[in-house]
Amino acid sequence: MVTSAGLVQDSTVPLSRQEIIVALERLNDELVRADAKASVYLVGGAVMCIVLNARESTKDVDAWFSDPTAIRSASRRVAIDLSLPEAGGVAG
């Protein structure tokens, strides 16, 4: 299941809190490198993991983002760098 900023693994392999944080930091780095500005608003399991510490992992990272073109491009590079499956169903 792929529903976010391109930071989603196969739904059978959960993403840990630390993996999500690393991926989001890398996404930020890629956006800076591209001189792009975008907002990412996390929802769902990712928030439960990294903000509320209510669970250890999630199967996907659901998000809304303000610049789909920039996010898609940056998230593809992050997916490659971190060996994550590319998010084919990224929704902005």
Protein backbone atom coordinates (compact mmCIF):
# COMPACT_ATOMS: atom_id res chain seq x y z
CA MET A 1 0.00 0.00 0.00
CA VAL A 2 1.48 3.33 -1.03
CA THR A 3 -0.31 6.47 0.06
CA SER A 4 2.22 9.07 1.02
CA ALA A 5 5.31 11.08 0.39
CA GLY A 6 7.11 8.17 -1.20
CA LEU A 7 8.43 6.78 2.05
CA VAL A 8 6.48 3.56 2.04
CA GLN A 9 7.77 0.04 2.20
CA ASP A 10 5.98 -3.12 1.15
CA SER A 11 2.93 -3.27 3.43
CA THR A 12 4.14 -6.63 4.81
CA VAL A 13 7.35 -4.99 6.14
CA PRO A 14 6.62 -2.28 8.72
CA LEU A 15 8.60 0.94 9.01
CA SER A 16 9.99 1.68 12.47
CA ARG A 17 9.91 5.07 14.12
CA GLN A 18 13.62 5.54 13.41
CA GLU A 19 13.27 4.50 9.74
CA ILE A 20 10.48 7.04 9.26
CA ILE A 21 12.51 9.80 10.90
CA VAL A 22 15.57 9.01 8.78
CA ALA A 23 13.48 8.97 5.60
CA LEU A 24 11.83 12.30 6.44
CA GLU A 25 15.21 13.87 7.23
CA ARG A 26 16.53 12.63 3.89
CA LEU A 27 13.42 13.97 2.17
CA ASN A 28 14.13 17.37 3.69
CA ASP A 29 17.76 17.18 2.55
CA GLU A 30 16.66 16.37 -1.01
CA LEU A 31 14.21 19.26 -1.06
CA VAL A 32 16.92 21.66 0.16
CA ARG A 33 19.32 20.35 -2.48
CA ALA A 34 16.69 20.94 -5.16
CA ASP A 35 15.96 24.41 -3.75
CA ALA A 36 12.34 23.33 -3.36
CA LYS A 37 9.95 24.26 -0.60
CA ALA A 38 7.10 22.00 0.38
CA SER A 39 5.05 21.18 3.45
CA VAL A 40 4.37 17.61 4.51
CA TYR A 41 1.51 16.90 6.89
CA LEU A 42 1.70 13.41 8.39
CA VAL A 43 -1.40 11.51 9.45
CA GLY A 44 -2.22 8.01 10.61
CA GLY A 45 0.30 5.41 11.74
CA ALA A 46 3.35 7.60 11.16
CA VAL A 47 2.01 10.15 13.65
CA MET A 48 1.26 7.37 16.10
CA CYS A 49 4.91 6.26 15.82
CA ILE A 50 6.95 9.43 15.72
CA VAL A 51 4.81 11.96 17.57
CA LEU A 52 2.73 10.02 20.06
CA ASN A 53 5.06 7.02 20.55
CA ALA A 54 1.90 4.93 20.63
CA ARG A 55 3.25 2.16 18.39
CA GLU A 56 6.62 0.87 17.27
CA SER A 57 5.99 0.71 13.54
CA THR A 58 3.54 1.32 10.71
CA LYS A 59 3.02 -0.30 7.34
CA ASP A 60 2.92 3.01 5.47
CA VAL A 61 3.41 6.74 5.84
CA ASP A 62 0.24 8.65 5.05
CA ALA A 63 0.67 12.33 4.32
CA TRP A 64 -0.65 15.36 2.48
CA PHE A 65 1.92 17.61 0.86
CA SER A 66 1.88 21.00 -0.77
CA ASP A 67 4.15 20.48 -3.80
CA PRO A 68 3.51 17.03 -5.30
CA THR A 69 6.09 17.44 -8.06
CA ALA A 70 8.90 18.33 -5.68
CA ILE A 71 7.91 15.68 -3.14
CA ARG A 72 7.62 12.93 -5.76
CA SER A 73 11.01 13.75 -7.22
CA ALA A 74 12.74 13.96 -3.84
CA SER A 75 10.99 10.87 -2.50
CA ARG A 76 12.18 8.79 -5.46
CA ARG A 77 15.78 9.69 -4.60
CA VAL A 78 15.19 8.89 -0.92
CA ALA A 79 13.64 5.54 -1.81
CA ILE A 80 16.71 4.65 -3.87
CA ASP A 81 19.16 5.85 -1.21
CA LEU A 82 17.41 3.95 1.58
CA SER A 83 16.51 0.88 -0.51
CA LEU A 84 12.79 1.48 -0.04
CA PRO A 85 10.31 0.54 -2.73
CA GLU A 86 9.43 3.56 -4.86
CA ALA A 87 6.02 5.00 -4.12
CA GLY A 88 4.08 4.46 -7.29
CA GLY A 89 0.80 5.68 -5.83
CA VAL A 90 1.93 8.91 -4.28
CA ALA A 91 -1.05 11.17 -3.74
CA GLY A 92 -0.58 14.89 -3.12
